[in-house]
Amino acid sequence: MDDLLTQMGDRIYSHRKQLRLNHEQLAERANLTPQTISSAELWQKALQPENIIKILK
């Protein structure tokens, strides 16, 4: 599970940087909190499936 969290966090971070967004901007677009984005990127906790979908959109 830790490896999956690491991969997901790295991919979210990488794509956010490609889009030149900060945590707040991505959070606003995904209707999430900046803390949720940060926690996911830093592998601190798993995202709920509905939040993964929000970020992917």
PDB file of N, CA and C in Angstrom:
ATOM      1  N   MET A   1       0.826  -1.199   0.000  1.00  0.00           N
ATOM      2  CA  MET A   1       0.000   0.000   0.000  1.00  0.00           C
ATOM      3  C   MET A   1       0.864   1.254   0.000  1.00  0.00           C
ATOM      4  N   ASP A   2       1.969   1.234   0.752  1.00  0.00           N
ATOM      5  CA  ASP A   2       2.832   2.405   0.796  1.00  0.00           C
ATOM      6  C   ASP A   2       3.404   2.737  -0.574  1.00  0.00           C
ATOM      7  N   ASP A   3       3.753   1.711  -1.336  1.00  0.00           N
ATOM      8  CA  ASP A   3       4.286   1.941  -2.678  1.00  0.00           C
ATOM      9  C   ASP A   3       3.241   2.592  -3.571  1.00  0.00           C
ATOM     10  N   LEU A   4       1.998   2.177  -3.446  1.00  0.00           N
ATOM     11  CA  LEU A   4       0.920   2.761  -4.225  1.00  0.00           C
ATOM     12  C   LEU A   4       0.714   4.225  -3.840  1.00  0.00           C
ATOM     13  N   LEU A   5       0.730   4.525  -2.549  1.00  0.00           N
ATOM     14  CA  LEU A   5       0.591   5.910  -2.090  1.00  0.00           C
ATOM     15  C   LEU A   5       1.727   6.773  -2.622  1.00  0.00           C
ATOM     16  N   THR A   6       2.931   6.238  -2.604  1.00  0.00           N
ATOM     17  CA  THR A   6       4.096   6.960  -3.105  1.00  0.00           C
ATOM     18  C   THR A   6       3.939   7.266  -4.592  1.00  0.00           C
ATOM     19  N   GLN A   7       3.542   6.274  -5.363  1.00  0.00           N
ATOM     20  CA  GLN A   7       3.367   6.471  -6.804  1.00  0.00           C
ATOM     21  C   GLN A   7       2.268   7.476  -7.104  1.00  0.00           C
ATOM     22  N   MET A   8       1.154   7.363  -6.395  1.00  0.00           N
ATOM     23  CA  MET A   8       0.052   8.308  -6.621  1.00  0.00           C
ATOM     24  C   MET A   8       0.477   9.729  -6.254  1.00  0.00           C
ATOM     25  N   GLY A   9       1.122   9.873  -5.116  1.00  0.00           N
ATOM     26  CA  GLY A   9       1.568  11.194  -4.684  1.00  0.00           C
ATOM     27  C   GLY A   9       2.548  11.813  -5.666  1.00  0.00           C
ATOM     28  N   ASP A  10       3.473  11.007  -6.142  1.00  0.00           N
ATOM     29  CA  ASP A  10       4.455  11.503  -7.116  1.00  0.00           C
ATOM     30  C   ASP A  10       3.788  11.930  -8.421  1.00  0.00           C
ATOM     31  N   ARG A  11       2.791  11.180  -8.845  1.00  0.00           N
ATOM     32  CA  ARG A  11       2.118  11.504 -10.104  1.00  0.00           C
ATOM     33  C   ARG A  11       1.269  12.764  -9.965  1.00  0.00           C
ATOM     34  N   ILE A  12       0.588  12.915  -8.843  1.00  0.00           N
ATOM     35  CA  ILE A  12      -0.193  14.131  -8.612  1.00  0.00           C
ATOM     36  C   ILE A  12       0.740  15.334  -8.607  1.00  0.00           C
ATOM     37  N   TYR A  13       1.837  15.216  -7.885  1.00  0.00           N
ATOM     38  CA  TYR A  13       2.813  16.310  -7.811  1.00  0.00           C
ATOM     39  C   TYR A  13       3.349  16.651  -9.200  1.00  0.00           C
ATOM     40  N   SER A  14       3.753  15.644  -9.944  1.00  0.00           N
ATOM     41  CA  SER A  14       4.336  15.849 -11.267  1.00  0.00           C
ATOM     42  C   SER A  14       3.363  16.544 -12.213  1.00  0.00           C
ATOM     43  N   HIS A  15       2.134  16.066 -12.235  1.00  0.00           N
ATOM     44  CA  HIS A  15       1.145  16.664 -13.138  1.00  0.00           C
ATOM     45  C   HIS A  15       0.751  18.070 -12.690  1.00  0.00           C
ATOM     46  N   ARG A  16       0.684  18.287 -11.380  1.00  0.00           N
ATOM     47  CA  ARG A  16       0.375  19.625 -10.883  1.00  0.00           C
ATOM     48  C   ARG A  16       1.459  20.603 -11.311  1.00  0.00           C
ATOM     49  N   LYS A  17       2.706  20.182 -11.217  1.00  0.00           N
ATOM     50  CA  LYS A  17       3.815  21.037 -11.629  1.00  0.00           C
ATOM     51  C   LYS A  17       3.791  21.291 -13.137  1.00  0.00           C
ATOM     52  N   GLN A  18       3.451  20.270 -13.932  1.00  0.00           N
ATOM     53  CA  GLN A  18       3.354  20.442 -15.386  1.00  0.00           C
ATOM     54  C   GLN A  18       2.299  21.480 -15.742  1.00  0.00           C
ATOM     55  N   LEU A  19       1.234  21.498 -14.976  1.00  0.00           N
ATOM     56  CA  LEU A  19       0.154  22.461 -15.213  1.00  0.00           C
ATOM     57  C   LEU A  19       0.447  23.822 -14.582  1.00  0.00           C
ATOM     58  N   ARG A  20       1.569  23.895 -13.873  1.00  0.00           N
ATOM     59  CA  ARG A  20       1.994  25.121 -13.186  1.00  0.00           C
ATOM     60  C   ARG A  20       0.936  25.618 -12.200  1.00  0.00           C
ATOM     61  N   LEU A  21       0.442  24.672 -11.394  1.00  0.00           N
ATOM     62  CA  LEU A  21      -0.536  24.992 -10.372  1.00  0.00           C
ATOM     63  C   LEU A  21       0.093  24.811  -8.998  1.00  0.00           C
ATOM     64  N   ASN A  22      -0.340  25.622  -8.043  1.00  0.00           N
ATOM     65  CA  ASN A  22       0.072  25.387  -6.657  1.00  0.00           C
ATOM     66  C   ASN A  22      -1.020  24.563  -5.972  1.00  0.00           C
ATOM     67  N   HIS A  23      -0.793  24.196  -4.714  1.00  0.00           N
ATOM     68  CA  HIS A  23      -1.771  23.370  -3.997  1.00  0.00           C
ATOM     69  C   HIS A  23      -3.152  24.025  -3.975  1.00  0.00           C
ATOM     70  N   GLU A  24      -3.174  25.315  -3.724  1.00  0.00           N
ATOM     71  CA  GLU A  24      -4.440  26.021  -3.608  1.00  0.00           C
ATOM     72  C   GLU A  24      -5.209  26.021  -4.924  1.00  0.00           C
ATOM     73  N   GLN A  25      -4.496  26.224  -6.027  1.00  0.00           N
ATOM     74  CA  GLN A  25      -5.152  26.261  -7.334  1.00  0.00           C
ATOM     75  C   GLN A  25      -5.726  24.900  -7.721  1.00  0.00           C
ATOM     76  N   LEU A  26      -4.951  23.837  -7.495  1.00  0.00           N
ATOM     77  CA  LEU A  26      -5.455  22.504  -7.797  1.00  0.00           C
ATOM     78  C   LEU A  26      -6.626  22.164  -6.880  1.00  0.00           C
ATOM     79  N   ALA A  27      -6.503  22.499  -5.624  1.00  0.00           N
ATOM     80  CA  ALA A  27      -7.579  22.226  -4.666  1.00  0.00           C
ATOM     81  C   ALA A  27      -8.865  22.937  -5.074  1.00  0.00           C
ATOM     82  N   GLU A  28      -8.740  24.172  -5.504  1.00  0.00           N
ATOM     83  CA  GLU A  28      -9.922  24.922  -5.937  1.00  0.00           C
ATOM     84  C   GLU A  28     -10.562  24.270  -7.162  1.00  0.00           C
ATOM     85  N   ARG A  29      -9.749  23.887  -8.129  1.00  0.00           N
ATOM     86  CA  ARG A  29     -10.268  23.245  -9.338  1.00  0.00           C
ATOM     87  C   ARG A  29     -10.934  21.906  -9.027  1.00  0.00           C
ATOM     88  N   ALA A  30     -10.396  21.176  -8.051  1.00  0.00           N
ATOM     89  CA  ALA A  30     -10.910  19.847  -7.714  1.00  0.00           C
ATOM     90  C   ALA A  30     -11.965  19.892  -6.603  1.00  0.00           C
ATOM     91  N   ASN A  31     -12.238  21.089  -6.091  1.00  0.00           N
ATOM     92  CA  ASN A  31     -13.188  21.261  -4.990  1.00  0.00           C
ATOM     93  C   ASN A  31     -12.758  20.447  -3.761  1.00  0.00           C
ATOM     94  N   LEU A  32     -11.475  20.544  -3.450  1.00  0.00           N
ATOM     95  CA  LEU A  32     -10.883  19.892  -2.287  1.00  0.00           C
ATOM     96  C   LEU A  32     -10.121  20.937  -1.490  1.00  0.00           C
ATOM     97  N   THR A  33      -9.575  20.538  -0.359  1.00  0.00           N
ATOM     98  CA  THR A  33      -8.758  21.468   0.423  1.00  0.00           C
ATOM     99  C   THR A  33      -7.294  21.353  -0.001  1.00  0.00           C
ATOM    100  N   PRO A  34      -6.539  22.428   0.146  1.00  0.00           N
ATOM    101  CA  PRO A  34      -5.101  22.342  -0.134  1.00  0.00           C
ATOM    102  C   PRO A  34      -4.416  21.284   0.734  1.00  0.00           C
ATOM    103  N   GLN A  35      -4.902  21.078   1.945  1.00  0.00           N
ATOM    104  CA  GLN A  35      -4.321  20.079   2.830  1.00  0.00           C
ATOM    105  C   GLN A  35      -4.503  18.669   2.274  1.00  0.00           C
ATOM    106  N   THR A  36      -5.636  18.426   1.615  1.00  0.00           N
ATOM    107  CA  THR A  36      -5.875  17.116   1.009  1.00  0.00           C
ATOM    108  C   THR A  36      -4.873  16.863  -0.108  1.00  0.00           C
ATOM    109  N   ILE A  37      -4.643  17.880  -0.932  1.00  0.00           N
ATOM    110  CA  ILE A  37      -3.676  17.755  -2.030  1.00  0.00           C
ATOM    111  C   ILE A  37      -2.280  17.515  -1.461  1.00  0.00           C
ATOM    112  N   SER A  38      -1.909  18.307  -0.484  1.00  0.00           N
ATOM    113  CA  SER A  38      -0.588  18.185   0.122  1.00  0.00           C
ATOM    114  C   SER A  38      -0.395  16.813   0.767  1.00  0.00           C
ATOM    115  N   SER A  39      -1.383  16.348   1.508  1.00  0.00           N
ATOM    116  CA  SER A  39      -1.285  15.033   2.155  1.00  0.00           C
ATOM    117  C   SER A  39      -1.120  13.918   1.136  1.00  0.00           C
ATOM    118  N   ALA A  40      -1.817  14.023   0.025  1.00  0.00           N
ATOM    119  CA  ALA A  40      -1.705  13.000  -1.019  1.00  0.00           C
ATOM    120  C   ALA A  40      -0.315  13.022  -1.643  1.00  0.00           C
ATOM    121  N   GLU A  41       0.196  14.209  -1.921  1.00  0.00           N
ATOM    122  CA  GLU A  41       1.514  14.323  -2.542  1.00  0.00           C
ATOM    123  C   GLU A  41       2.637  13.853  -1.620  1.00  0.00           C
ATOM    124  N   LEU A  42       2.452  14.045  -0.340  1.00  0.00           N
ATOM    125  CA  LEU A  42       3.484  13.677   0.632  1.00  0.00           C
ATOM    126  C   LEU A  42       3.281  12.274   1.192  1.00  0.00           C
ATOM    127  N   TRP A  43       2.375  11.514   0.609  1.00  0.00           N
ATOM    128  CA  TRP A  43       2.124  10.114   0.967  1.00  0.00           C
ATOM    129  C   TRP A  43       1.657   9.957   2.408  1.00  0.00           C
ATOM    130  N   GLN A  44       1.010  10.971   2.955  1.00  0.00           N
ATOM    131  CA  GLN A  44       0.587  10.906   4.348  1.00  0.00           C
ATOM    132  C   GLN A  44      -0.709  10.120   4.530  1.00  0.00           C
ATOM    133  N   LYS A  45      -1.573  10.159   3.518  1.00  0.00           N
ATOM    134  CA  LYS A  45      -2.800   9.378   3.612  1.00  0.00           C
ATOM    135  C   LYS A  45      -3.345   9.105   2.216  1.00  0.00           C
ATOM    136  N   ALA A  46      -4.119   8.058   2.132  1.00  0.00           N
ATOM    137  CA  ALA A  46      -4.727   7.686   0.854  1.00  0.00           C
ATOM    138  C   ALA A  46      -5.929   8.585   0.588  1.00  0.00           C
ATOM    139  N   LEU A  47      -6.152   8.845  -0.671  1.00  0.00           N
ATOM    140  CA  LEU A  47      -7.321   9.621  -1.065  1.00  0.00           C
ATOM    141  C   LEU A  47      -8.532   8.718  -1.182  1.00  0.00           C
ATOM    142  N   GLN A  48      -9.687   9.275  -0.911  1.00  0.00           N
ATOM    143  CA  GLN A  48     -10.927   8.551  -1.148  1.00  0.00           C
ATOM    144  C   GLN A  48     -11.136   8.477  -2.655  1.00  0.00           C
ATOM    145  N   PRO A  49     -11.747   7.413  -3.139  1.00  0.00           N
ATOM    146  CA  PRO A  49     -11.925   7.265  -4.596  1.00  0.00           C
ATOM    147  C   PRO A  49     -12.584   8.472  -5.262  1.00  0.00           C
ATOM    148  N   GLU A  50     -13.583   9.063  -4.614  1.00  0.00           N
ATOM    149  CA  GLU A  50     -14.251  10.226  -5.220  1.00  0.00           C
ATOM    150  C   GLU A  50     -13.311  11.430  -5.324  1.00  0.00           C
ATOM    151  N   ASN A  51     -12.359  11.537  -4.410  1.00  0.00           N
ATOM    152  CA  ASN A  51     -11.394  12.633  -4.486  1.00  0.00           C
ATOM    153  C   ASN A  51     -10.358  12.397  -5.580  1.00  0.00           C
ATOM    154  N   ILE A  52     -10.014  11.158  -5.821  1.00  0.00           N
ATOM    155  CA  ILE A  52      -9.111  10.837  -6.940  1.00  0.00           C
ATOM    156  C   ILE A  52      -9.777  11.266  -8.235  1.00  0.00           C
ATOM    157  N   ILE A  53     -11.048  10.967  -8.378  1.00  0.00           N
ATOM    158  CA  ILE A  53     -11.784  11.353  -9.597  1.00  0.00           C
ATOM    159  C   ILE A  53     -11.820  12.866  -9.748  1.00  0.00           C
ATOM    160  N   LYS A  54     -12.035  13.591  -8.668  1.00  0.00           N
ATOM    161  CA  LYS A  54     -12.054  15.056  -8.732  1.00  0.00           C
ATOM    162  C   LYS A  54     -10.720  15.598  -9.228  1.00  0.00           C
ATOM    163  N   ILE A  55      -9.628  15.044  -8.750  1.00  0.00           N
ATOM    164  CA  ILE A  55      -8.301  15.513  -9.166  1.00  0.00           C
ATOM    165  C   ILE A  55      -8.063  15.168 -10.638  1.00  0.00           C
ATOM    166  N   LEU A  56      -8.500  13.987 -11.058  1.00  0.00           N
ATOM    167  CA  LEU A  56      -8.290  13.579 -12.444  1.00  0.00           C
ATOM    168  C   LEU A  56      -9.030  14.465 -13.432  1.00  0.00           C
ATOM    169  N   LYS A  57     -10.152  14.994 -13.022  1.00  0.00           N
ATOM    170  CA  LYS A  57     -10.919  15.868 -13.914  1.00  0.00           C
ATOM    171  C   LYS A  57     -10.181  17.154 -14.135  1.00  0.00           C
TER     172      LYS A  57
END
